[in-house]
Amino acid sequence: MPKRTHGTVIGINPKTSRIAIKVDFGDISILEVDDTSDFEINHVLYGDLEQEGGNLIFNKTEKTEHDVYIQATGCDYETAQYQLFRA
């Protein structure tokens, strides 16, 4: 069963279509999204934010659902920054 968690958007890179999410307990996940303009810093997301691969997440701030691809999980700030900005 997927582990549903909350997370907060802490970084957005429109050039790579990726966003960084700080998960409840402090790790960071990197998500590839269709449209980064659907997200803003401090938006609260809910879903299986720690399972790499395709997932459906819910943006609680905007009350919208999004199909995303989780690129990386369990990142610290340095690794997350690398993942967010690498081409």
C-alpha atoms as a PDB file:
ATOM      1  CA  MET A   1       0.000   0.000   0.000  1.00  0.00           C
ATOM      2  CA  PRO A   2       1.418   3.413  -0.926  1.00  0.00           C
ATOM      3  CA  LYS A   3       2.476   5.661   1.919  1.00  0.00           C
ATOM      4  CA  ARG A   4       0.585   8.935   1.540  1.00  0.00           C
ATOM      5  CA  THR A   5       2.411  11.975   2.853  1.00  0.00           C
ATOM      6  CA  HIS A   6       2.173  15.745   2.757  1.00  0.00           C
ATOM      7  CA  GLY A   7       4.886  17.919   1.302  1.00  0.00           C
ATOM      8  CA  THR A   8       5.555  21.570   0.571  1.00  0.00           C
ATOM      9  CA  VAL A   9       6.904  22.987  -2.697  1.00  0.00           C
ATOM     10  CA  ILE A  10      10.321  24.537  -1.981  1.00  0.00           C
ATOM     11  CA  GLY A  11      11.756  24.851  -5.484  1.00  0.00           C
ATOM     12  CA  ILE A  12      10.579  25.175  -9.089  1.00  0.00           C
ATOM     13  CA  ASN A  13      12.584  24.967 -12.309  1.00  0.00           C
ATOM     14  CA  PRO A  14      10.486  25.655 -15.439  1.00  0.00           C
ATOM     15  CA  LYS A  15      13.431  24.812 -17.738  1.00  0.00           C
ATOM     16  CA  THR A  16      13.564  21.186 -16.555  1.00  0.00           C
ATOM     17  CA  SER A  17       9.826  20.943 -15.651  1.00  0.00           C
ATOM     18  CA  ARG A  18      10.815  19.848 -12.137  1.00  0.00           C
ATOM     19  CA  ILE A  19       9.706  20.886  -8.672  1.00  0.00           C
ATOM     20  CA  ALA A  20      11.280  20.133  -5.288  1.00  0.00           C
ATOM     21  CA  ILE A  21       9.031  19.001  -2.433  1.00  0.00           C
ATOM     22  CA  LYS A  22      10.030  18.951   1.240  1.00  0.00           C
ATOM     23  CA  VAL A  23       8.219  15.912   2.617  1.00  0.00           C
ATOM     24  CA  ASP A  24       6.699  15.984   6.129  1.00  0.00           C
ATOM     25  CA  PHE A  25       9.671  14.371   7.872  1.00  0.00           C
ATOM     26  CA  GLY A  26      12.330  16.505   6.171  1.00  0.00           C
ATOM     27  CA  ASP A  27      13.595  14.632   3.099  1.00  0.00           C
ATOM     28  CA  ILE A  28      13.169  16.192  -0.334  1.00  0.00           C
ATOM     29  CA  SER A  29      11.628  14.617  -3.433  1.00  0.00           C
ATOM     30  CA  ILE A  30      12.060  15.854  -7.009  1.00  0.00           C
ATOM     31  CA  LEU A  31       8.999  15.658  -9.271  1.00  0.00           C
ATOM     32  CA  GLU A  32       8.772  16.109 -13.016  1.00  0.00           C
ATOM     33  CA  VAL A  33       5.485  17.829 -13.883  1.00  0.00           C
ATOM     34  CA  ASP A  34       3.635  18.717 -17.084  1.00  0.00           C
ATOM     35  CA  ASP A  35       3.348  22.413 -16.273  1.00  0.00           C
ATOM     36  CA  THR A  36       5.344  24.109 -13.516  1.00  0.00           C
ATOM     37  CA  SER A  37       2.955  27.087 -13.599  1.00  0.00           C
ATOM     38  CA  ASP A  38       0.422  24.843 -11.789  1.00  0.00           C
ATOM     39  CA  PHE A  39       2.650  25.046  -8.689  1.00  0.00           C
ATOM     40  CA  GLU A  40       3.992  27.824  -6.484  1.00  0.00           C
ATOM     41  CA  ILE A  41       6.418  27.912  -3.566  1.00  0.00           C
ATOM     42  CA  ASN A  42       4.652  26.809  -0.339  1.00  0.00           C
ATOM     43  CA  HIS A  43       1.859  24.912  -2.117  1.00  0.00           C
ATOM     44  CA  VAL A  44       0.944  21.858  -0.048  1.00  0.00           C
ATOM     45  CA  LEU A  45       0.862  18.536  -1.922  1.00  0.00           C
ATOM     46  CA  TYR A  46      -0.491  15.161  -0.831  1.00  0.00           C
ATOM     47  CA  GLY A  47       0.157  11.697  -2.195  1.00  0.00           C
ATOM     48  CA  ASP A  48       2.795   9.011  -2.479  1.00  0.00           C
ATOM     49  CA  LEU A  49       5.666  11.512  -2.567  1.00  0.00           C
ATOM     50  CA  GLU A  50       8.360   8.917  -1.836  1.00  0.00           C
ATOM     51  CA  GLN A  51       7.776   6.319  -4.552  1.00  0.00           C
ATOM     52  CA  GLU A  52       9.863   6.921  -7.667  1.00  0.00           C
ATOM     53  CA  GLY A  53       7.998   6.646 -10.942  1.00  0.00           C
ATOM     54  CA  GLY A  54       4.594   7.781 -12.140  1.00  0.00           C
ATOM     55  CA  ASN A  55       2.153   8.932  -9.463  1.00  0.00           C
ATOM     56  CA  LEU A  56      -1.036  10.906  -9.028  1.00  0.00           C
ATOM     57  CA  ILE A  57      -0.716  13.690  -6.454  1.00  0.00           C
ATOM     58  CA  PHE A  58      -3.170  16.217  -5.059  1.00  0.00           C
ATOM     59  CA  ASN A  59      -2.361  19.911  -4.712  1.00  0.00           C
ATOM     60  CA  LYS A  60      -4.264  20.761  -1.518  1.00  0.00           C
ATOM     61  CA  THR A  61      -3.629  24.485  -1.946  1.00  0.00           C
ATOM     62  CA  GLU A  62      -5.247  24.655  -5.398  1.00  0.00           C
ATOM     63  CA  LYS A  63      -7.486  21.577  -4.976  1.00  0.00           C
ATOM     64  CA  THR A  64      -6.217  19.981  -8.210  1.00  0.00           C
ATOM     65  CA  GLU A  65      -4.854  16.556  -9.191  1.00  0.00           C
ATOM     66  CA  HIS A  66      -1.682  16.066 -11.213  1.00  0.00           C
ATOM     67  CA  ASP A  67       0.030  13.144 -12.884  1.00  0.00           C
ATOM     68  CA  VAL A  68       3.724  13.462 -12.045  1.00  0.00           C
ATOM     69  CA  TYR A  69       6.901  11.458 -12.405  1.00  0.00           C
ATOM     70  CA  ILE A  70       8.970  11.315  -9.230  1.00  0.00           C
ATOM     71  CA  GLN A  71      12.626  11.514 -10.285  1.00  0.00           C
ATOM     72  CA  ALA A  72      14.331  11.254  -6.891  1.00  0.00           C
ATOM     73  CA  THR A  73      13.408  10.748  -3.223  1.00  0.00           C
ATOM     74  CA  GLY A  74      15.206  10.968   0.113  1.00  0.00           C
ATOM     75  CA  CYS A  75      17.359  13.887  -1.061  1.00  0.00           C
ATOM     76  CA  ASP A  76      19.238  16.346   1.119  1.00  0.00           C
ATOM     77  CA  TYR A  77      19.412  20.012  -0.031  1.00  0.00           C
ATOM     78  CA  GLU A  78      22.597  19.568  -2.071  1.00  0.00           C
ATOM     79  CA  THR A  79      21.323  16.500  -3.938  1.00  0.00           C
ATOM     80  CA  ALA A  80      17.907  18.095  -4.466  1.00  0.00           C
ATOM     81  CA  GLN A  81      19.462  21.218  -5.943  1.00  0.00           C
ATOM     82  CA  TYR A  82      21.514  19.089  -8.346  1.00  0.00           C
ATOM     83  CA  GLN A  83      18.438  17.063  -9.375  1.00  0.00           C
ATOM     84  CA  LEU A  84      16.266  20.168  -9.766  1.00  0.00           C
ATOM     85  CA  PHE A  85      18.675  21.983 -12.085  1.00  0.00           C
ATOM     86  CA  ARG A  86      20.397  19.236 -14.065  1.00  0.00           C
ATOM     87  CA  ALA A  87      19.338  19.085 -17.706  1.00  0.00           C
END
